[in-house]
Amino acid sequence: MSQISKRPLDNKIEIQINKIFEATYSPFQRGLLTVTERKMLSKRIAILLFHENGYDYREISDLVKVSTSTVAYIVRLYEDNEQLRISLKKLKRTQNNRKILKEILAMAADILTYRYPRKSGEIIK
């Protein structure tokens, strides 16, 4: 049985990640997954999104509410799996998903501004 962290995602980020999840998987695929599995996959998508945009493991861990070892594991899977990298690129291609991803990154930047000061003028991809 899958387990997820009891620490919930920031509500606004979770809503946006779920929008991407819903757009990515068919009703048939979503129907095969439990609520826990859906949350786990949503968090994995978020980990990859933040990793691709230059967030370090500690920041990702704090934003997605998973351990840094989970972040490292997901990043390693991503780096070792060409098909996973291709799939993430396809996910980011649609106009609606790009808009949602920008909103997620903006929310994350706001959250982290208070916790981890970043270099001034740093641009988020």
N, C-alpha and C. Protein backbone atom coordinates (compact mmCIF):
# COMPACT_ATOMS: atom_id res chain seq x y z
N MET A 1 0.85 -1.18 0.00
CA MET A 1 0.00 0.00 0.00
C MET A 1 0.89 1.24 0.00
N SER A 2 0.55 2.19 -0.85
CA SER A 2 1.32 3.43 -0.95
C SER A 2 1.07 4.32 0.26
N GLN A 3 2.11 5.05 0.63
CA GLN A 3 1.98 5.99 1.73
C GLN A 3 2.47 7.35 1.25
N ILE A 4 1.84 8.39 1.76
CA ILE A 4 2.29 9.74 1.47
C ILE A 4 2.50 10.47 2.79
N SER A 5 3.26 11.53 2.72
CA SER A 5 3.53 12.33 3.91
C SER A 5 2.23 12.86 4.49
N LYS A 6 2.18 12.93 5.80
CA LYS A 6 1.00 13.50 6.46
C LYS A 6 1.01 15.01 6.40
N ARG A 7 2.17 15.57 6.03
CA ARG A 7 2.27 17.03 5.90
C ARG A 7 1.62 17.43 4.57
N PRO A 8 0.54 18.18 4.61
CA PRO A 8 -0.15 18.52 3.36
C PRO A 8 0.60 19.57 2.55
N LEU A 9 0.42 19.50 1.24
CA LEU A 9 0.93 20.53 0.35
C LEU A 9 0.23 21.84 0.65
N ASP A 10 0.86 22.95 0.28
CA ASP A 10 0.18 24.23 0.32
C ASP A 10 -1.08 24.08 -0.53
N ASN A 11 -2.22 24.51 -0.01
CA ASN A 11 -3.51 24.29 -0.67
C ASN A 11 -3.54 24.84 -2.10
N LYS A 12 -3.02 26.04 -2.32
CA LYS A 12 -3.05 26.64 -3.66
C LYS A 12 -2.19 25.85 -4.63
N ILE A 13 -1.02 25.42 -4.18
CA ILE A 13 -0.15 24.62 -5.05
C ILE A 13 -0.79 23.27 -5.35
N GLU A 14 -1.39 22.66 -4.35
CA GLU A 14 -2.04 21.36 -4.55
C GLU A 14 -3.16 21.45 -5.59
N ILE A 15 -3.94 22.50 -5.53
CA ILE A 15 -5.03 22.69 -6.50
C ILE A 15 -4.47 22.77 -7.92
N GLN A 16 -3.39 23.54 -8.09
CA GLN A 16 -2.80 23.70 -9.42
C GLN A 16 -2.17 22.39 -9.91
N ILE A 17 -1.46 21.70 -9.04
CA ILE A 17 -0.86 20.41 -9.42
C ILE A 17 -1.96 19.42 -9.82
N ASN A 18 -3.06 19.43 -9.09
CA ASN A 18 -4.16 18.52 -9.41
C ASN A 18 -4.78 18.84 -10.76
N LYS A 19 -4.79 20.11 -11.15
CA LYS A 19 -5.30 20.47 -12.48
C LYS A 19 -4.45 19.83 -13.57
N ILE A 20 -3.14 19.87 -13.38
CA ILE A 20 -2.25 19.25 -14.37
C ILE A 20 -2.44 17.73 -14.36
N PHE A 21 -2.57 17.16 -13.18
CA PHE A 21 -2.78 15.72 -13.06
C PHE A 21 -4.06 15.31 -13.79
N GLU A 22 -5.13 16.05 -13.56
CA GLU A 22 -6.41 15.73 -14.19
C GLU A 22 -6.33 15.85 -15.71
N ALA A 23 -5.58 16.84 -16.19
CA ALA A 23 -5.44 17.03 -17.64
C ALA A 23 -4.53 15.98 -18.27
N THR A 24 -3.64 15.41 -17.49
CA THR A 24 -2.65 14.47 -18.01
C THR A 24 -3.20 13.06 -18.16
N TYR A 25 -4.01 12.64 -17.21
CA TYR A 25 -4.49 11.26 -17.20
C TYR A 25 -5.95 11.17 -17.60
N SER A 26 -6.27 10.11 -18.35
CA SER A 26 -7.64 9.89 -18.79
C SER A 26 -8.50 9.50 -17.59
N PRO A 27 -9.83 9.62 -17.73
CA PRO A 27 -10.71 9.17 -16.64
C PRO A 27 -10.48 7.69 -16.30
N PHE A 28 -10.17 6.90 -17.31
CA PHE A 28 -9.89 5.48 -17.06
C PHE A 28 -8.65 5.32 -16.18
N GLN A 29 -7.57 6.02 -16.53
CA GLN A 29 -6.34 5.94 -15.73
C GLN A 29 -6.57 6.47 -14.32
N ARG A 30 -7.26 7.61 -14.21
CA ARG A 30 -7.52 8.16 -12.87
C ARG A 30 -8.38 7.22 -12.05
N GLY A 31 -9.30 6.53 -12.70
CA GLY A 31 -10.18 5.60 -12.00
C GLY A 31 -9.47 4.40 -11.42
N LEU A 32 -8.31 4.06 -11.98
CA LEU A 32 -7.54 2.93 -11.47
C LEU A 32 -6.72 3.26 -10.23
N LEU A 33 -6.59 4.55 -9.94
CA LEU A 33 -5.73 4.99 -8.84
C LEU A 33 -6.55 5.34 -7.61
N THR A 34 -6.00 5.02 -6.45
CA THR A 34 -6.63 5.44 -5.20
C THR A 34 -6.33 6.92 -4.97
N VAL A 35 -6.99 7.53 -4.02
CA VAL A 35 -6.74 8.92 -3.67
C VAL A 35 -5.28 9.10 -3.26
N THR A 36 -4.77 8.17 -2.48
CA THR A 36 -3.38 8.23 -2.04
C THR A 36 -2.42 8.17 -3.22
N GLU A 37 -2.68 7.28 -4.17
CA GLU A 37 -1.81 7.17 -5.35
C GLU A 37 -1.86 8.44 -6.19
N ARG A 38 -3.03 9.03 -6.32
CA ARG A 38 -3.14 10.30 -7.07
C ARG A 38 -2.33 11.40 -6.41
N LYS A 39 -2.42 11.48 -5.08
CA LYS A 39 -1.64 12.50 -4.36
C LYS A 39 -0.15 12.25 -4.53
N MET A 40 0.24 10.98 -4.46
CA MET A 40 1.65 10.63 -4.60
C MET A 40 2.16 11.01 -5.99
N LEU A 41 1.41 10.72 -7.03
CA LEU A 41 1.82 11.09 -8.38
C LEU A 41 1.85 12.60 -8.57
N SER A 42 0.89 13.29 -7.98
CA SER A 42 0.87 14.75 -8.06
C SER A 42 2.13 15.33 -7.42
N LYS A 43 2.52 14.79 -6.28
CA LYS A 43 3.73 15.27 -5.61
C LYS A 43 4.97 14.98 -6.46
N ARG A 44 5.00 13.84 -7.13
CA ARG A 44 6.14 13.51 -7.99
C ARG A 44 6.23 14.47 -9.17
N ILE A 45 5.10 14.82 -9.74
CA ILE A 45 5.09 15.81 -10.83
C ILE A 45 5.64 17.14 -10.30
N ALA A 46 5.21 17.52 -9.11
CA ALA A 46 5.68 18.78 -8.52
C ALA A 46 7.18 18.75 -8.26
N ILE A 47 7.69 17.62 -7.77
CA ILE A 47 9.13 17.49 -7.52
C ILE A 47 9.90 17.74 -8.81
N LEU A 48 9.47 17.12 -9.89
CA LEU A 48 10.17 17.27 -11.17
C LEU A 48 10.07 18.70 -11.70
N LEU A 49 8.91 19.30 -11.55
CA LEU A 49 8.73 20.69 -11.98
C LEU A 49 9.68 21.62 -11.25
N PHE A 50 9.74 21.50 -9.94
CA PHE A 50 10.62 22.37 -9.16
C PHE A 50 12.09 22.08 -9.45
N HIS A 51 12.43 20.80 -9.62
CA HIS A 51 13.81 20.44 -9.94
C HIS A 51 14.25 21.07 -11.26
N GLU A 52 13.40 20.98 -12.27
CA GLU A 52 13.72 21.54 -13.58
C GLU A 52 13.86 23.06 -13.55
N ASN A 53 13.32 23.68 -12.53
CA ASN A 53 13.37 25.14 -12.44
C ASN A 53 14.37 25.63 -11.41
N GLY A 54 15.31 24.76 -11.06
CA GLY A 54 16.45 25.19 -10.28
C GLY A 54 16.29 25.21 -8.77
N TYR A 55 15.23 24.66 -8.25
CA TYR A 55 15.06 24.60 -6.80
C TYR A 55 15.96 23.50 -6.25
N ASP A 56 16.54 23.73 -5.07
CA ASP A 56 17.38 22.69 -4.48
C ASP A 56 16.50 21.70 -3.70
N TYR A 57 17.11 20.59 -3.31
CA TYR A 57 16.36 19.50 -2.67
C TYR A 57 15.65 19.97 -1.41
N ARG A 58 16.29 20.81 -0.63
CA ARG A 58 15.69 21.28 0.62
C ARG A 58 14.43 22.12 0.33
N GLU A 59 14.53 22.99 -0.66
CA GLU A 59 13.37 23.82 -1.02
C GLU A 59 12.24 22.96 -1.55
N ILE A 60 12.57 22.00 -2.41
CA ILE A 60 11.54 21.11 -2.96
C ILE A 60 10.89 20.31 -1.83
N SER A 61 11.70 19.80 -0.93
CA SER A 61 11.20 19.04 0.20
C SER A 61 10.20 19.86 1.01
N ASP A 62 10.54 21.13 1.24
CA ASP A 62 9.68 22.01 2.01
C ASP A 62 8.38 22.33 1.26
N LEU A 63 8.47 22.56 -0.03
CA LEU A 63 7.29 22.91 -0.82
C LEU A 63 6.34 21.73 -1.02
N VAL A 64 6.90 20.56 -1.30
CA VAL A 64 6.08 19.40 -1.65
C VAL A 64 5.77 18.53 -0.43
N LYS A 65 6.42 18.83 0.68
CA LYS A 65 6.18 18.12 1.95
C LYS A 65 6.54 16.64 1.83
N VAL A 66 7.76 16.40 1.31
CA VAL A 66 8.33 15.06 1.27
C VAL A 66 9.75 15.16 1.82
N SER A 67 10.37 14.03 2.08
CA SER A 67 11.75 14.04 2.57
C SER A 67 12.71 14.37 1.43
N THR A 68 13.91 14.83 1.80
CA THR A 68 14.92 15.11 0.77
C THR A 68 15.35 13.81 0.08
N SER A 69 15.26 12.69 0.79
CA SER A 69 15.61 11.41 0.14
C SER A 69 14.57 11.05 -0.93
N THR A 70 13.31 11.39 -0.71
CA THR A 70 12.30 11.18 -1.74
C THR A 70 12.58 12.06 -2.95
N VAL A 71 12.95 13.30 -2.69
CA VAL A 71 13.30 14.21 -3.79
C VAL A 71 14.47 13.62 -4.59
N ALA A 72 15.50 13.17 -3.89
CA ALA A 72 16.67 12.61 -4.56
C ALA A 72 16.30 11.38 -5.39
N TYR A 73 15.43 10.54 -4.85
CA TYR A 73 15.00 9.33 -5.55
C TYR A 73 14.26 9.68 -6.84
N ILE A 74 13.32 10.62 -6.77
CA ILE A 74 12.52 10.99 -7.94
C ILE A 74 13.41 11.67 -8.98
N VAL A 75 14.31 12.52 -8.55
CA VAL A 75 15.22 13.19 -9.47
C VAL A 75 16.12 12.16 -10.16
N ARG A 76 16.61 11.20 -9.42
CA ARG A 76 17.45 10.14 -10.00
C ARG A 76 16.66 9.34 -11.04
N LEU A 77 15.41 9.00 -10.74
CA LEU A 77 14.58 8.31 -11.72
C LEU A 77 14.44 9.13 -12.99
N TYR A 78 14.22 10.41 -12.81
CA TYR A 78 14.04 11.33 -13.93
C TYR A 78 15.31 11.40 -14.78
N GLU A 79 16.44 11.53 -14.13
CA GLU A 79 17.71 11.67 -14.86
C GLU A 79 18.11 10.37 -15.57
N ASP A 80 17.68 9.23 -15.05
CA ASP A 80 18.04 7.94 -15.64
C ASP A 80 17.03 7.43 -16.66
N ASN A 81 15.92 8.13 -16.84
CA ASN A 81 14.84 7.61 -17.68
C ASN A 81 14.48 8.61 -18.78
N GLU A 82 14.96 8.33 -19.98
CA GLU A 82 14.70 9.23 -21.12
C GLU A 82 13.20 9.40 -21.37
N GLN A 83 12.43 8.31 -21.26
CA GLN A 83 10.99 8.38 -21.51
C GLN A 83 10.30 9.30 -20.51
N LEU A 84 10.75 9.30 -19.29
CA LEU A 84 10.18 10.19 -18.27
C LEU A 84 10.46 11.65 -18.62
N ARG A 85 11.66 11.94 -19.10
CA ARG A 85 12.00 13.31 -19.50
C ARG A 85 11.16 13.76 -20.69
N ILE A 86 10.96 12.86 -21.64
CA ILE A 86 10.12 13.18 -22.81
C ILE A 86 8.68 13.44 -22.36
N SER A 87 8.19 12.62 -21.45
CA SER A 87 6.81 12.78 -20.96
C SER A 87 6.61 14.12 -20.26
N LEU A 88 7.61 14.53 -19.47
CA LEU A 88 7.49 15.82 -18.77
C LEU A 88 7.50 16.97 -19.78
N LYS A 89 8.31 16.87 -20.82
CA LYS A 89 8.32 17.91 -21.86
C LYS A 89 6.96 18.00 -22.53
N LYS A 90 6.35 16.85 -22.83
CA LYS A 90 5.01 16.84 -23.45
C LYS A 90 3.99 17.48 -22.52
N LEU A 91 4.11 17.18 -21.24
CA LEU A 91 3.19 17.74 -20.25
C LEU A 91 3.25 19.26 -20.25
N LYS A 92 4.44 19.81 -20.43
CA LYS A 92 4.63 21.26 -20.36
C LYS A 92 4.30 21.97 -21.67
N ARG A 93 3.99 21.22 -22.73
CA ARG A 93 3.75 21.83 -24.04
C ARG A 93 2.42 22.57 -24.16
N THR A 94 1.38 22.08 -23.54
CA THR A 94 0.08 22.69 -23.75
C THR A 94 0.02 24.07 -23.10
N GLN A 95 -0.69 24.96 -23.75
CA GLN A 95 -0.82 26.34 -23.27
C GLN A 95 -1.39 26.38 -21.86
N ASN A 96 -2.44 25.61 -21.61
CA ASN A 96 -3.07 25.62 -20.29
C ASN A 96 -2.10 25.13 -19.22
N ASN A 97 -1.38 24.05 -19.50
CA ASN A 97 -0.42 23.55 -18.52
C ASN A 97 0.71 24.53 -18.27
N ARG A 98 1.18 25.21 -19.32
CA ARG A 98 2.24 26.21 -19.13
C ARG A 98 1.76 27.33 -18.21
N LYS A 99 0.51 27.73 -18.39
CA LYS A 99 -0.05 28.78 -17.53
C LYS A 99 -0.11 28.30 -16.08
N ILE A 100 -0.58 27.09 -15.87
CA ILE A 100 -0.67 26.52 -14.52
C ILE A 100 0.72 26.40 -13.90
N LEU A 101 1.69 25.93 -14.69
CA LEU A 101 3.06 25.77 -14.18
C LEU A 101 3.64 27.11 -13.74
N LYS A 102 3.39 28.17 -14.51
CA LYS A 102 3.87 29.50 -14.12
C LYS A 102 3.23 29.95 -12.81
N GLU A 103 1.94 29.66 -12.65
CA GLU A 103 1.25 30.02 -11.41
C GLU A 103 1.85 29.26 -10.22
N ILE A 104 2.15 27.98 -10.42
CA ILE A 104 2.74 27.17 -9.35
C ILE A 104 4.10 27.74 -8.96
N LEU A 105 4.92 28.06 -9.96
CA LEU A 105 6.25 28.60 -9.67
C LEU A 105 6.17 29.94 -8.97
N ALA A 106 5.20 30.77 -9.34
CA ALA A 106 5.04 32.06 -8.67
C ALA A 106 4.63 31.86 -7.21
N MET A 107 3.71 30.93 -6.96
CA MET A 107 3.29 30.64 -5.58
C MET A 107 4.46 30.10 -4.77
N ALA A 108 5.24 29.22 -5.38
CA ALA A 108 6.39 28.65 -4.68
C ALA A 108 7.40 29.74 -4.33
N ALA A 109 7.64 30.64 -5.27
CA ALA A 109 8.58 31.74 -5.02
C ALA A 109 8.11 32.58 -3.83
N ASP A 110 6.80 32.84 -3.77
CA ASP A 110 6.25 33.62 -2.66
C ASP A 110 6.45 32.89 -1.33
N ILE A 111 6.19 31.61 -1.32
CA ILE A 111 6.34 30.82 -0.09
C ILE A 111 7.80 30.80 0.36
N LEU A 112 8.69 30.55 -0.58
CA LEU A 112 10.11 30.42 -0.23
C LEU A 112 10.78 31.74 0.08
N THR A 113 10.24 32.84 -0.38
CA THR A 113 10.82 34.15 -0.10
C THR A 113 10.96 34.36 1.40
N TYR A 114 9.99 33.87 2.15
CA TYR A 114 10.00 34.04 3.59
C TYR A 114 10.89 33.03 4.29
N ARG A 115 11.07 31.86 3.69
CA ARG A 115 11.81 30.79 4.36
C ARG A 115 13.27 30.72 3.95
N TYR A 116 13.54 30.93 2.66
CA TYR A 116 14.90 30.80 2.15
C TYR A 116 15.17 31.98 1.22
N PRO A 117 15.82 33.01 1.70
CA PRO A 117 16.10 34.15 0.83
C PRO A 117 16.95 33.70 -0.37
N ARG A 118 16.49 34.05 -1.56
CA ARG A 118 17.23 33.74 -2.79
C ARG A 118 18.02 34.96 -3.20
N LYS A 119 18.96 34.77 -4.09
CA LYS A 119 19.74 35.90 -4.59
C LYS A 119 18.79 36.87 -5.27
N SER A 120 18.99 38.17 -5.02
CA SER A 120 18.11 39.15 -5.64
C SER A 120 18.30 39.11 -7.15
N GLY A 121 17.22 39.28 -7.86
CA GLY A 121 17.26 39.30 -9.31
C GLY A 121 17.31 37.93 -9.96
N GLU A 122 17.24 36.85 -9.17
CA GLU A 122 17.29 35.52 -9.75
C GLU A 122 16.00 35.25 -10.52
N ILE A 123 16.14 34.77 -11.70
CA ILE A 123 14.99 34.55 -12.56
C ILE A 123 14.59 33.08 -12.50
N ILE A 124 13.30 32.85 -12.36
CA ILE A 124 12.76 31.50 -12.39
C ILE A 124 12.41 31.19 -13.84
N LYS A 125 12.88 30.05 -14.34
CA LYS A 125 12.65 29.65 -15.74
C LYS A 125 11.18 29.46 -16.00
